[in-house]
Amino acid sequence: MQAFTTHKGTVAPLGRVNVDTDQIIPKQFLKSIKRTGFGDYLFDAWRFLDEGDIGVTPNEREINHEFVLNKPDYQDTSILLARDNFGCGSSREHAVWALQEFGFCAVIAPSFADIFYGNCFKNGLLPIVLKEEIIEELFSRVGRGYALNIDLDSQQVTSPEGDVYGFEIDAALKDKMLRGMDDISMTLAEQALIEAYEKRHRSSQPWLFSRGGA
């Protein structure tokens, strides 16, 4: 996955609490285990007025112009400002894939569902938890072209007004994001140690590896 160090991007406000993963990417579109092809169906029931189907592009759909992501002021945004308990519901990793493919690099909210939060770090989408009062202040400010600067190393979000908001993050998860390494690549980084251990294990207990071993 791609490393996350710093990012400056415009913000889209999603003023709904308890947004679950079925609202992020509805179950009828989960017909692939590939990590692509889900962005077209992000927030499908809110972005469109008609019922979608696999392979039908947004240009062929009836757009809901009242939904925030369809408004001209919030095109090409890369930071999603959300409310409490974002990503609740089922554990589908597709929700993170859909957000990323749509163009989001980070989601800022007062709280996240635990499984969704973990899935973000497995795929390189940065979830940032800020205090409720800060979130409310940002919602009151967000408008066309409103951009935030995120610095993961210093764990800070900076607003256009010059306000700096610190955020907490687990050191191991932060390291994975900064290095752009998922669980598999983190394991493979220790390949030499793993192979050395296996060699010692085979030497000390060879009977475990014989075809007719006990």
N, C-alpha and C. Protein backbone atom coordinates (compact mmCIF):
# COMPACT_ATOMS: atom_id res chain seq x y z
N MET A 1 0.84 -1.19 0.00
CA MET A 1 0.00 0.00 0.00
C MET A 1 0.88 1.24 0.00
N GLN A 2 0.31 2.38 -0.36
CA GLN A 2 1.07 3.61 -0.46
C GLN A 2 1.30 4.22 0.92
N ALA A 3 2.50 4.72 1.13
CA ALA A 3 2.84 5.35 2.41
C ALA A 3 2.06 6.65 2.59
N PHE A 4 1.73 6.96 3.83
CA PHE A 4 1.07 8.21 4.17
C PHE A 4 2.01 8.99 5.08
N THR A 5 2.45 10.15 4.63
CA THR A 5 3.31 11.00 5.45
C THR A 5 2.61 12.32 5.72
N THR A 6 2.41 13.11 4.67
CA THR A 6 1.64 14.35 4.79
C THR A 6 0.61 14.40 3.66
N HIS A 7 -0.44 15.12 3.90
CA HIS A 7 -1.46 15.28 2.86
C HIS A 7 -2.20 16.59 3.07
N LYS A 8 -2.34 17.35 2.01
CA LYS A 8 -3.18 18.55 2.03
C LYS A 8 -4.29 18.35 1.02
N GLY A 9 -5.53 18.44 1.49
CA GLY A 9 -6.65 18.21 0.60
C GLY A 9 -7.90 18.93 1.05
N THR A 10 -8.82 19.11 0.11
CA THR A 10 -10.08 19.76 0.43
C THR A 10 -11.01 18.77 1.14
N VAL A 11 -11.96 19.34 1.88
CA VAL A 11 -12.78 18.56 2.80
C VAL A 11 -14.23 18.50 2.33
N ALA A 12 -14.83 17.31 2.45
CA ALA A 12 -16.26 17.13 2.23
C ALA A 12 -16.91 16.78 3.56
N PRO A 13 -17.95 17.50 3.97
CA PRO A 13 -18.62 17.23 5.25
C PRO A 13 -19.78 16.26 5.10
N LEU A 14 -19.76 15.19 5.86
CA LEU A 14 -20.85 14.23 5.87
C LEU A 14 -21.48 14.28 7.26
N GLY A 15 -22.53 15.06 7.39
CA GLY A 15 -23.11 15.33 8.70
C GLY A 15 -24.11 14.30 9.17
N ARG A 16 -23.73 13.05 9.22
CA ARG A 16 -24.61 11.97 9.66
C ARG A 16 -23.89 11.11 10.68
N VAL A 17 -24.59 10.77 11.75
CA VAL A 17 -24.00 9.90 12.77
C VAL A 17 -24.28 8.44 12.42
N ASN A 18 -23.48 7.55 12.98
CA ASN A 18 -23.69 6.10 12.84
C ASN A 18 -23.76 5.66 11.38
N VAL A 19 -22.89 6.18 10.55
CA VAL A 19 -22.84 5.74 9.16
C VAL A 19 -22.23 4.34 9.12
N ASP A 20 -23.03 3.37 8.68
CA ASP A 20 -22.53 1.99 8.71
C ASP A 20 -21.94 1.58 7.36
N THR A 21 -21.31 0.42 7.37
CA THR A 21 -20.59 -0.03 6.17
C THR A 21 -21.53 -0.38 5.03
N ASP A 22 -22.77 -0.73 5.33
CA ASP A 22 -23.73 -1.00 4.26
C ASP A 22 -24.17 0.30 3.58
N GLN A 23 -24.12 1.41 4.30
CA GLN A 23 -24.39 2.71 3.69
C GLN A 23 -23.18 3.18 2.89
N ILE A 24 -22.00 2.84 3.38
CA ILE A 24 -20.78 3.22 2.65
C ILE A 24 -20.69 2.45 1.33
N ILE A 25 -20.89 1.13 1.37
CA ILE A 25 -20.90 0.32 0.15
C ILE A 25 -21.95 -0.78 0.33
N PRO A 26 -23.12 -0.63 -0.28
CA PRO A 26 -24.21 -1.58 -0.10
C PRO A 26 -23.84 -3.01 -0.49
N LYS A 27 -24.47 -3.95 0.18
CA LYS A 27 -24.11 -5.36 0.05
C LYS A 27 -24.25 -5.91 -1.37
N GLN A 28 -25.18 -5.36 -2.17
CA GLN A 28 -25.40 -5.91 -3.51
C GLN A 28 -24.22 -5.67 -4.45
N PHE A 29 -23.28 -4.83 -4.04
CA PHE A 29 -22.11 -4.56 -4.88
C PHE A 29 -20.88 -5.33 -4.44
N LEU A 30 -21.03 -6.20 -3.46
CA LEU A 30 -19.88 -6.94 -2.92
C LEU A 30 -19.71 -8.28 -3.62
N LYS A 31 -19.57 -8.22 -4.91
CA LYS A 31 -19.48 -9.46 -5.70
C LYS A 31 -18.06 -9.70 -6.22
N SER A 32 -17.12 -8.99 -5.65
CA SER A 32 -15.73 -9.16 -6.08
C SER A 32 -14.82 -9.06 -4.87
N ILE A 33 -13.73 -9.84 -4.87
CA ILE A 33 -12.75 -9.73 -3.80
C ILE A 33 -11.56 -8.88 -4.24
N LYS A 34 -11.63 -8.34 -5.46
CA LYS A 34 -10.61 -7.40 -5.90
C LYS A 34 -10.82 -6.08 -5.18
N ARG A 35 -9.76 -5.28 -5.09
CA ARG A 35 -9.87 -4.02 -4.36
C ARG A 35 -10.26 -2.85 -5.26
N THR A 36 -10.72 -3.14 -6.44
CA THR A 36 -11.12 -2.09 -7.36
C THR A 36 -12.57 -2.30 -7.80
N GLY A 37 -13.17 -1.21 -8.30
CA GLY A 37 -14.51 -1.29 -8.82
C GLY A 37 -15.61 -0.91 -7.85
N PHE A 38 -15.23 -0.42 -6.67
CA PHE A 38 -16.22 -0.10 -5.65
C PHE A 38 -16.49 1.40 -5.51
N GLY A 39 -15.61 2.22 -6.01
CA GLY A 39 -15.77 3.67 -5.87
C GLY A 39 -17.04 4.20 -6.51
N ASP A 40 -17.47 3.59 -7.61
CA ASP A 40 -18.68 4.03 -8.29
C ASP A 40 -19.93 3.85 -7.44
N TYR A 41 -19.83 2.99 -6.41
CA TYR A 41 -21.02 2.67 -5.61
C TYR A 41 -20.91 3.18 -4.18
N LEU A 42 -19.92 4.04 -3.91
CA LEU A 42 -19.78 4.63 -2.58
C LEU A 42 -21.03 5.43 -2.23
N PHE A 43 -21.57 5.19 -1.03
CA PHE A 43 -22.78 5.88 -0.56
C PHE A 43 -23.89 5.82 -1.62
N ASP A 44 -24.05 4.66 -2.23
CA ASP A 44 -24.91 4.53 -3.41
C ASP A 44 -26.34 5.02 -3.18
N ALA A 45 -26.93 4.64 -2.06
CA ALA A 45 -28.33 5.01 -1.81
C ALA A 45 -28.50 6.50 -1.59
N TRP A 46 -27.42 7.19 -1.26
CA TRP A 46 -27.47 8.64 -1.04
C TRP A 46 -27.06 9.42 -2.28
N ARG A 47 -26.12 8.89 -3.04
CA ARG A 47 -25.63 9.61 -4.22
C ARG A 47 -26.59 9.54 -5.40
N PHE A 48 -27.41 8.49 -5.43
CA PHE A 48 -28.27 8.27 -6.59
C PHE A 48 -29.73 8.10 -6.18
N LEU A 49 -30.62 8.41 -7.11
CA LEU A 49 -32.06 8.29 -6.87
C LEU A 49 -32.63 7.00 -7.45
N ASP A 50 -31.86 6.35 -8.30
CA ASP A 50 -32.31 5.08 -8.87
C ASP A 50 -31.53 3.93 -8.25
N GLU A 51 -31.94 2.71 -8.56
CA GLU A 51 -31.28 1.52 -8.03
C GLU A 51 -30.16 1.11 -8.97
N GLY A 52 -28.96 1.00 -8.43
CA GLY A 52 -27.81 0.69 -9.26
C GLY A 52 -27.60 -0.80 -9.46
N ASP A 53 -26.67 -1.11 -10.34
CA ASP A 53 -26.32 -2.50 -10.60
C ASP A 53 -24.85 -2.55 -11.00
N ILE A 54 -24.23 -3.69 -10.80
CA ILE A 54 -22.82 -3.87 -11.16
C ILE A 54 -22.62 -3.56 -12.64
N GLY A 55 -21.65 -2.73 -12.94
CA GLY A 55 -21.32 -2.39 -14.31
C GLY A 55 -22.01 -1.15 -14.83
N VAL A 56 -23.00 -0.64 -14.09
CA VAL A 56 -23.68 0.59 -14.50
C VAL A 56 -22.90 1.77 -13.92
N THR A 57 -22.39 2.65 -14.78
CA THR A 57 -21.54 3.75 -14.33
C THR A 57 -22.37 4.90 -13.78
N PRO A 58 -21.77 5.77 -12.98
CA PRO A 58 -22.49 6.93 -12.45
C PRO A 58 -23.11 7.80 -13.54
N ASN A 59 -22.48 7.87 -14.69
CA ASN A 59 -23.01 8.69 -15.79
C ASN A 59 -24.33 8.15 -16.32
N GLU A 60 -24.62 6.89 -16.00
CA GLU A 60 -25.86 6.27 -16.46
C GLU A 60 -26.94 6.28 -15.37
N ARG A 61 -26.63 6.90 -14.26
CA ARG A 61 -27.53 6.87 -13.11
C ARG A 61 -28.26 8.20 -12.93
N GLU A 62 -29.31 8.17 -12.11
CA GLU A 62 -30.04 9.38 -11.77
C GLU A 62 -29.42 9.98 -10.51
N ILE A 63 -28.74 11.11 -10.66
CA ILE A 63 -27.96 11.71 -9.60
C ILE A 63 -28.85 12.41 -8.58
N ASN A 64 -28.51 12.24 -7.30
CA ASN A 64 -29.15 13.00 -6.23
C ASN A 64 -28.32 14.26 -5.99
N HIS A 65 -28.73 15.36 -6.56
CA HIS A 65 -27.95 16.59 -6.49
C HIS A 65 -27.94 17.23 -5.11
N GLU A 66 -28.77 16.73 -4.20
CA GLU A 66 -28.80 17.27 -2.85
C GLU A 66 -27.74 16.65 -1.95
N PHE A 67 -27.21 15.50 -2.37
CA PHE A 67 -26.20 14.84 -1.55
C PHE A 67 -24.88 15.58 -1.66
N VAL A 68 -24.17 15.69 -0.54
CA VAL A 68 -23.00 16.56 -0.45
C VAL A 68 -21.94 16.24 -1.50
N LEU A 69 -21.67 14.97 -1.76
CA LEU A 69 -20.59 14.62 -2.69
C LEU A 69 -20.96 14.90 -4.14
N ASN A 70 -22.22 15.19 -4.40
CA ASN A 70 -22.64 15.53 -5.75
C ASN A 70 -22.71 17.04 -5.98
N LYS A 71 -22.50 17.82 -4.94
CA LYS A 71 -22.57 19.27 -5.07
C LYS A 71 -21.28 19.82 -5.66
N PRO A 72 -21.37 20.85 -6.48
CA PRO A 72 -20.17 21.41 -7.13
C PRO A 72 -19.07 21.83 -6.15
N ASP A 73 -19.46 22.28 -4.96
CA ASP A 73 -18.46 22.74 -3.99
C ASP A 73 -17.59 21.62 -3.45
N TYR A 74 -18.03 20.38 -3.60
CA TYR A 74 -17.30 19.28 -2.97
C TYR A 74 -16.85 18.21 -3.96
N GLN A 75 -16.51 18.65 -5.15
CA GLN A 75 -15.94 17.73 -6.12
C GLN A 75 -14.43 17.59 -5.87
N ASP A 76 -13.92 16.41 -6.11
CA ASP A 76 -12.47 16.14 -5.99
C ASP A 76 -11.94 16.39 -4.58
N THR A 77 -12.77 16.16 -3.57
CA THR A 77 -12.30 16.25 -2.19
C THR A 77 -11.54 14.98 -1.83
N SER A 78 -10.62 15.10 -0.88
CA SER A 78 -9.82 13.93 -0.50
C SER A 78 -9.82 13.67 1.00
N ILE A 79 -10.52 14.52 1.76
CA ILE A 79 -10.65 14.33 3.21
C ILE A 79 -12.14 14.34 3.54
N LEU A 80 -12.60 13.29 4.20
CA LEU A 80 -14.01 13.22 4.59
C LEU A 80 -14.15 13.58 6.06
N LEU A 81 -14.97 14.58 6.34
CA LEU A 81 -15.27 14.99 7.70
C LEU A 81 -16.58 14.33 8.10
N ALA A 82 -16.53 13.50 9.12
CA ALA A 82 -17.69 12.69 9.49
C ALA A 82 -18.04 12.91 10.96
N ARG A 83 -19.11 12.24 11.36
CA ARG A 83 -19.56 12.36 12.75
C ARG A 83 -19.38 11.04 13.49
N ASP A 84 -19.97 10.96 14.66
CA ASP A 84 -19.69 9.89 15.62
C ASP A 84 -20.00 8.49 15.07
N ASN A 85 -19.15 7.53 15.45
CA ASN A 85 -19.35 6.11 15.16
C ASN A 85 -19.34 5.81 13.67
N PHE A 86 -18.45 6.43 12.95
CA PHE A 86 -18.36 6.20 11.51
C PHE A 86 -17.82 4.80 11.23
N GLY A 87 -18.45 4.11 10.26
CA GLY A 87 -17.99 2.78 9.85
C GLY A 87 -18.51 1.65 10.70
N CYS A 88 -19.63 1.87 11.40
CA CYS A 88 -20.19 0.80 12.22
C CYS A 88 -20.86 -0.25 11.32
N GLY A 89 -21.41 -1.27 11.92
CA GLY A 89 -22.08 -2.32 11.14
C GLY A 89 -21.16 -3.49 10.85
N SER A 90 -21.32 -4.09 9.68
CA SER A 90 -20.57 -5.30 9.34
C SER A 90 -19.09 -4.98 9.12
N SER A 91 -18.30 -6.03 9.06
CA SER A 91 -16.84 -5.87 9.02
C SER A 91 -16.26 -5.73 7.62
N ARG A 92 -17.10 -5.50 6.61
CA ARG A 92 -16.64 -5.53 5.22
C ARG A 92 -15.50 -4.54 4.95
N GLU A 93 -14.38 -5.08 4.48
CA GLU A 93 -13.22 -4.26 4.13
C GLU A 93 -13.48 -3.43 2.88
N HIS A 94 -14.49 -3.83 2.11
CA HIS A 94 -14.84 -3.12 0.88
C HIS A 94 -15.19 -1.65 1.16
N ALA A 95 -15.66 -1.35 2.36
CA ALA A 95 -16.01 0.03 2.70
C ALA A 95 -14.79 0.94 2.59
N VAL A 96 -13.67 0.46 3.07
CA VAL A 96 -12.43 1.23 2.96
C VAL A 96 -11.99 1.33 1.51
N TRP A 97 -12.09 0.23 0.77
CA TRP A 97 -11.70 0.25 -0.64
C TRP A 97 -12.53 1.27 -1.42
N ALA A 98 -13.83 1.33 -1.15
CA ALA A 98 -14.71 2.25 -1.88
C ALA A 98 -14.34 3.70 -1.58
N LEU A 99 -14.07 4.01 -0.34
CA LEU A 99 -13.68 5.38 0.03
C LEU A 99 -12.38 5.77 -0.66
N GLN A 100 -11.42 4.86 -0.66
CA GLN A 100 -10.13 5.14 -1.30
C GLN A 100 -10.27 5.32 -2.80
N GLU A 101 -11.02 4.43 -3.44
CA GLU A 101 -11.14 4.51 -4.89
C GLU A 101 -11.90 5.77 -5.31
N PHE A 102 -12.78 6.25 -4.46
CA PHE A 102 -13.50 7.49 -4.75
C PHE A 102 -12.57 8.69 -4.66
N GLY A 103 -11.46 8.54 -3.91
CA GLY A 103 -10.48 9.61 -3.83
C GLY A 103 -10.14 10.09 -2.44
N PHE A 104 -10.71 9.47 -1.41
CA PHE A 104 -10.43 9.90 -0.05
C PHE A 104 -9.13 9.28 0.47
N CYS A 105 -8.32 10.12 1.10
CA CYS A 105 -7.06 9.67 1.71
C CYS A 105 -7.16 9.59 3.22
N ALA A 106 -8.14 10.32 3.79
CA ALA A 106 -8.29 10.37 5.24
C ALA A 106 -9.75 10.63 5.59
N VAL A 107 -10.14 10.12 6.77
CA VAL A 107 -11.46 10.40 7.33
C VAL A 107 -11.25 10.94 8.73
N ILE A 108 -11.90 12.05 9.04
CA ILE A 108 -11.79 12.67 10.36
C ILE A 108 -13.15 12.59 11.04
N ALA A 109 -13.19 12.06 12.25
CA ALA A 109 -14.45 11.89 12.97
C ALA A 109 -14.19 11.88 14.48
N PRO A 110 -15.23 12.05 15.29
CA PRO A 110 -15.05 11.95 16.74
C PRO A 110 -14.78 10.52 17.20
N SER A 111 -15.31 9.54 16.46
CA SER A 111 -15.07 8.13 16.80
C SER A 111 -15.36 7.26 15.59
N PHE A 112 -14.73 6.08 15.60
CA PHE A 112 -14.91 5.10 14.53
C PHE A 112 -15.28 3.75 15.13
N ALA A 113 -15.99 2.95 14.37
CA ALA A 113 -16.19 1.56 14.77
C ALA A 113 -14.85 0.84 14.73
N ASP A 114 -14.62 -0.07 15.67
CA ASP A 114 -13.29 -0.67 15.84
C ASP A 114 -12.81 -1.42 14.60
N ILE A 115 -13.67 -2.26 14.01
CA ILE A 115 -13.22 -3.07 12.87
C ILE A 115 -12.92 -2.18 11.68
N PHE A 116 -13.79 -1.21 11.41
CA PHE A 116 -13.53 -0.28 10.31
C PHE A 116 -12.22 0.46 10.55
N TYR A 117 -11.98 0.89 11.77
CA TYR A 117 -10.75 1.61 12.12
C TYR A 117 -9.53 0.76 11.79
N GLY A 118 -9.58 -0.51 12.16
CA GLY A 118 -8.47 -1.41 11.87
C GLY A 118 -8.29 -1.65 10.38
N ASN A 119 -9.41 -1.78 9.67
CA ASN A 119 -9.33 -1.99 8.22
C ASN A 119 -8.69 -0.80 7.50
N CYS A 120 -8.88 0.39 8.03
CA CYS A 120 -8.26 1.57 7.43
C CYS A 120 -6.74 1.43 7.39
N PHE A 121 -6.17 0.98 8.48
CA PHE A 121 -4.72 0.85 8.56
C PHE A 121 -4.19 -0.30 7.72
N LYS A 122 -5.02 -1.26 7.45
CA LYS A 122 -4.61 -2.38 6.59
C LYS A 122 -4.54 -1.97 5.12
N ASN A 123 -5.15 -0.82 4.80
CA ASN A 123 -5.26 -0.42 3.39
C ASN A 123 -4.71 0.97 3.08
N GLY A 124 -4.25 1.70 4.10
CA GLY A 124 -3.63 3.00 3.85
C GLY A 124 -4.56 4.19 3.88
N LEU A 125 -5.78 4.01 4.41
CA LEU A 125 -6.70 5.14 4.61
C LEU A 125 -6.54 5.60 6.05
N LEU A 126 -6.19 6.87 6.26
CA LEU A 126 -5.89 7.34 7.61
C LEU A 126 -7.16 7.79 8.33
N PRO A 127 -7.53 7.12 9.44
CA PRO A 127 -8.65 7.57 10.26
C PRO A 127 -8.12 8.45 11.40
N ILE A 128 -8.65 9.64 11.52
CA ILE A 128 -8.19 10.58 12.52
C ILE A 128 -9.32 10.88 13.50
N VAL A 129 -9.06 10.70 14.79
CA VAL A 129 -10.05 10.99 15.81
C VAL A 129 -9.73 12.35 16.43
N LEU A 130 -10.69 13.27 16.34
CA LEU A 130 -10.58 14.57 16.99
C LEU A 130 -11.76 14.76 17.94
N LYS A 131 -11.59 15.62 18.91
CA LYS A 131 -12.64 15.86 19.90
C LYS A 131 -13.90 16.39 19.22
N GLU A 132 -15.02 16.10 19.84
CA GLU A 132 -16.32 16.49 19.30
C GLU A 132 -16.41 17.98 19.03
N GLU A 133 -15.88 18.79 19.95
CA GLU A 133 -15.97 20.25 19.76
C GLU A 133 -15.14 20.74 18.58
N ILE A 134 -14.04 20.05 18.31
CA ILE A 134 -13.22 20.40 17.14
C ILE A 134 -13.95 20.02 15.87
N ILE A 135 -14.56 18.84 15.87
CA ILE A 135 -15.33 18.40 14.70
C ILE A 135 -16.45 19.41 14.41
N GLU A 136 -17.15 19.85 15.46
CA GLU A 136 -18.23 20.80 15.27
C GLU A 136 -17.71 22.12 14.69
N GLU A 137 -16.57 22.56 15.16
CA GLU A 137 -15.97 23.79 14.65
C GLU A 137 -15.61 23.64 13.17
N LEU A 138 -15.06 22.49 12.81
CA LEU A 138 -14.70 22.26 11.40
C LEU A 138 -15.94 22.20 10.52
N PHE A 139 -17.00 21.57 11.01
CA PHE A 139 -18.25 21.53 10.23
C PHE A 139 -18.78 22.94 9.98
N SER A 140 -18.61 23.81 10.96
CA SER A 140 -19.10 25.19 10.79
C SER A 140 -18.27 25.98 9.80
N ARG A 141 -17.04 25.55 9.55
CA ARG A 141 -16.14 26.29 8.67
C ARG A 141 -16.12 25.75 7.24
N VAL A 142 -16.37 24.46 7.10
CA VAL A 142 -16.17 23.81 5.79
C VAL A 142 -17.06 24.43 4.72
N GLY A 143 -16.45 24.66 3.58
CA GLY A 143 -17.15 25.17 2.41
C GLY A 143 -16.30 24.91 1.19
N ARG A 144 -16.63 25.52 0.11
CA ARG A 144 -15.93 25.30 -1.15
C ARG A 144 -14.43 25.57 -0.99
N GLY A 145 -13.61 24.59 -1.34
CA GLY A 145 -12.17 24.76 -1.33
C GLY A 145 -11.52 24.75 0.04
N TYR A 146 -12.28 24.41 1.09
CA TYR A 146 -11.70 24.40 2.44
C TYR A 146 -10.75 23.21 2.56
N ALA A 147 -9.50 23.49 2.84
CA ALA A 147 -8.47 22.45 2.84
C ALA A 147 -7.81 22.32 4.21
N LEU A 148 -7.48 21.11 4.56
CA LEU A 148 -6.73 20.82 5.78
C LEU A 148 -5.40 20.20 5.41
N ASN A 149 -4.42 20.45 6.25
CA ASN A 149 -3.11 19.82 6.07
C ASN A 149 -2.90 18.79 7.18
N ILE A 150 -2.60 17.56 6.79
CA ILE A 150 -2.40 16.47 7.74
C ILE A 150 -0.94 16.06 7.73
N ASP A 151 -0.34 16.04 8.90
CA ASP A 151 1.05 15.57 9.06
C ASP A 151 1.02 14.39 10.02
N LEU A 152 1.19 13.19 9.48
CA LEU A 152 1.10 11.99 10.31
C LEU A 152 2.27 11.89 11.27
N ASP A 153 3.46 12.25 10.84
CA ASP A 153 4.64 12.12 11.70
C ASP A 153 4.48 12.95 12.97
N SER A 154 4.01 14.18 12.83
CA SER A 154 3.82 15.04 14.00
C SER A 154 2.44 14.87 14.63
N GLN A 155 1.58 14.08 13.97
CA GLN A 155 0.23 13.80 14.45
C GLN A 155 -0.55 15.11 14.63
N GLN A 156 -0.58 15.89 13.55
CA GLN A 156 -1.25 17.19 13.60
C GLN A 156 -2.09 17.44 12.35
N VAL A 157 -3.21 18.09 12.57
CA VAL A 157 -4.06 18.59 11.49
C VAL A 157 -4.06 20.11 11.60
N THR A 158 -3.75 20.79 10.50
CA THR A 158 -3.69 22.25 10.50
C THR A 158 -4.77 22.81 9.58
N SER A 159 -5.51 23.78 10.10
CA SER A 159 -6.60 24.39 9.35
C SER A 159 -6.10 25.62 8.59
N PRO A 160 -6.87 26.12 7.62
CA PRO A 160 -6.48 27.34 6.91
C PRO A 160 -6.37 28.55 7.83
N GLU A 161 -7.09 28.50 8.96
CA GLU A 161 -7.04 29.61 9.91
C GLU A 161 -5.80 29.57 10.79
N GLY A 162 -5.02 28.50 10.66
CA GLY A 162 -3.80 28.37 11.45
C GLY A 162 -3.96 27.57 12.72
N ASP A 163 -5.13 27.03 12.96
CA ASP A 163 -5.34 26.18 14.14
C ASP A 163 -4.66 24.83 13.92
N VAL A 164 -4.04 24.33 14.96
CA VAL A 164 -3.35 23.05 14.89
C VAL A 164 -4.00 22.09 15.88
N TYR A 165 -4.45 20.96 15.36
CA TYR A 165 -5.13 19.97 16.19
C TYR A 165 -4.29 18.70 16.24
N GLY A 166 -3.89 18.31 17.43
CA GLY A 166 -3.14 17.07 17.60
C GLY A 166 -4.08 15.89 17.69
N PHE A 167 -3.62 14.73 17.25
CA PHE A 167 -4.43 13.51 17.36
C PHE A 167 -3.57 12.35 17.83
N GLU A 168 -4.21 11.41 18.52
CA GLU A 168 -3.52 10.25 19.03
C GLU A 168 -3.58 9.10 18.02
N ILE A 169 -2.54 8.28 18.02
CA ILE A 169 -2.52 7.12 17.14
C ILE A 169 -1.54 6.10 17.72
N ASP A 170 -1.90 4.84 17.65
CA ASP A 170 -1.02 3.78 18.12
C ASP A 170 0.30 3.81 17.35
N ALA A 171 1.39 3.67 18.07
CA ALA A 171 2.72 3.81 17.47
C ALA A 171 2.96 2.79 16.36
N ALA A 172 2.50 1.56 16.57
CA ALA A 172 2.71 0.51 15.56
C ALA A 172 1.88 0.79 14.31
N LEU A 173 0.65 1.24 14.48
CA LEU A 173 -0.19 1.57 13.33
C LEU A 173 0.36 2.77 12.57
N LYS A 174 0.85 3.72 13.31
CA LYS A 174 1.47 4.90 12.69
C LYS A 174 2.67 4.49 11.85
N ASP A 175 3.50 3.61 12.38
CA ASP A 175 4.69 3.16 11.66
C ASP A 175 4.31 2.45 10.37
N LYS A 176 3.26 1.64 10.40
CA LYS A 176 2.79 0.94 9.20
C LYS A 176 2.38 1.94 8.12
N MET A 177 1.66 2.99 8.53
CA MET A 177 1.20 3.98 7.57
C MET A 177 2.37 4.77 6.99
N LEU A 178 3.29 5.17 7.84
CA LEU A 178 4.44 5.96 7.38
C LEU A 178 5.31 5.16 6.41
N ARG A 179 5.40 3.86 6.64
CA ARG A 179 6.23 3.00 5.80
C ARG A 179 5.46 2.41 4.62
N GLY A 180 4.13 2.58 4.62
CA GLY A 180 3.33 2.04 3.54
C GLY A 180 3.34 0.52 3.52
N MET A 181 3.24 -0.09 4.69
CA MET A 181 3.33 -1.54 4.79
C MET A 181 2.09 -2.11 5.45
N ASP A 182 1.45 -3.07 4.77
CA ASP A 182 0.31 -3.76 5.38
C ASP A 182 0.83 -4.95 6.20
N ASP A 183 -0.11 -5.75 6.73
CA ASP A 183 0.30 -6.86 7.60
C ASP A 183 1.20 -7.86 6.89
N ILE A 184 0.90 -8.12 5.62
CA ILE A 184 1.70 -9.09 4.87
C ILE A 184 3.11 -8.56 4.62
N SER A 185 3.21 -7.31 4.20
CA SER A 185 4.54 -6.76 3.91
C SER A 185 5.35 -6.59 5.19
N MET A 186 4.69 -6.33 6.32
CA MET A 186 5.40 -6.24 7.59
C MET A 186 5.99 -7.61 7.95
N THR A 187 5.24 -8.67 7.68
CA THR A 187 5.74 -10.02 7.93
C THR A 187 6.90 -10.36 7.00
N LEU A 188 6.75 -10.03 5.72
CA LEU A 188 7.80 -10.34 4.75
C LEU A 188 9.08 -9.56 5.04
N ALA A 189 8.96 -8.42 5.70
CA ALA A 189 10.15 -7.64 6.05
C ALA A 189 11.04 -8.40 7.03
N GLU A 190 10.44 -9.38 7.72
CA GLU A 190 11.20 -10.19 8.68
C GLU A 190 11.55 -11.56 8.09
N GLN A 191 11.58 -11.64 6.77
CA GLN A 191 11.78 -12.93 6.11
C GLN A 191 13.09 -13.60 6.52
N ALA A 192 14.15 -12.82 6.63
CA ALA A 192 15.45 -13.40 7.00
C ALA A 192 15.40 -14.03 8.39
N LEU A 193 14.75 -13.36 9.33
CA LEU A 193 14.63 -13.91 10.69
C LEU A 193 13.74 -15.15 10.70
N ILE A 194 12.67 -15.12 9.91
CA ILE A 194 11.77 -16.26 9.85
C ILE A 194 12.49 -17.48 9.28
N GLU A 195 13.26 -17.27 8.20
CA GLU A 195 13.98 -18.38 7.58
C GLU A 195 15.06 -18.93 8.52
N ALA A 196 15.71 -18.04 9.27
CA ALA A 196 16.73 -18.49 10.22
C ALA A 196 16.10 -19.33 11.33
N TYR A 197 14.93 -18.90 11.79
CA TYR A 197 14.23 -19.66 12.82
C TYR A 197 13.83 -21.04 12.30
N GLU A 198 13.28 -21.08 11.08
CA GLU A 198 12.87 -22.35 10.50
C GLU A 198 14.06 -23.30 10.35
N LYS A 199 15.19 -22.74 9.98
CA LYS A 199 16.40 -23.58 9.81
C LYS A 199 16.82 -24.16 11.15
N ARG A 200 16.81 -23.33 12.21
CA ARG A 200 17.18 -23.82 13.54
C ARG A 200 16.18 -24.87 14.03
N HIS A 201 14.91 -24.61 13.75
CA HIS A 201 13.85 -25.53 14.19
C HIS A 201 14.00 -26.89 13.52
N ARG A 202 14.31 -26.90 12.22
CA ARG A 202 14.50 -28.16 11.50
C ARG A 202 15.73 -28.90 12.03
N SER A 203 16.76 -28.15 12.38
CA SER A 203 18.00 -28.79 12.87
C SER A 203 17.81 -29.39 14.25
N SER A 204 17.07 -28.69 15.12
CA SER A 204 16.92 -29.14 16.50
C SER A 204 15.86 -30.22 16.66
N GLN A 205 14.87 -30.24 15.75
CA GLN A 205 13.79 -31.23 15.84
C GLN A 205 13.49 -31.82 14.45
N PRO A 206 14.46 -32.50 13.87
CA PRO A 206 14.30 -32.98 12.49
C PRO A 206 13.18 -33.99 12.32
N TRP A 207 12.83 -34.73 13.39
CA TRP A 207 11.79 -35.74 13.29
C TRP A 207 10.41 -35.13 12.97
N LEU A 208 10.24 -33.85 13.28
CA LEU A 208 8.97 -33.21 12.98
C LEU A 208 8.76 -33.00 11.48
N PHE A 209 9.86 -33.03 10.75
CA PHE A 209 9.78 -32.72 9.33
C PHE A 209 10.02 -33.95 8.44
N SER A 210 10.25 -35.10 9.07
CA SER A 210 10.40 -36.33 8.27
C SER A 210 9.02 -36.83 7.85
N ARG A 211 8.98 -37.50 6.72
CA ARG A 211 7.69 -37.96 6.15
C ARG A 211 6.98 -38.92 7.08
N GLY A 212 7.72 -39.71 7.77
CA GLY A 212 7.09 -40.67 8.65
C GLY A 212 7.21 -40.30 10.11
N GLY A 213 7.48 -39.02 10.36
CA GLY A 213 7.71 -38.57 11.74
C GLY A 213 6.49 -38.73 12.61
N ALA A 214 6.74 -38.72 13.91
CA ALA A 214 5.66 -38.90 14.89
C ALA A 214 4.76 -37.69 14.88
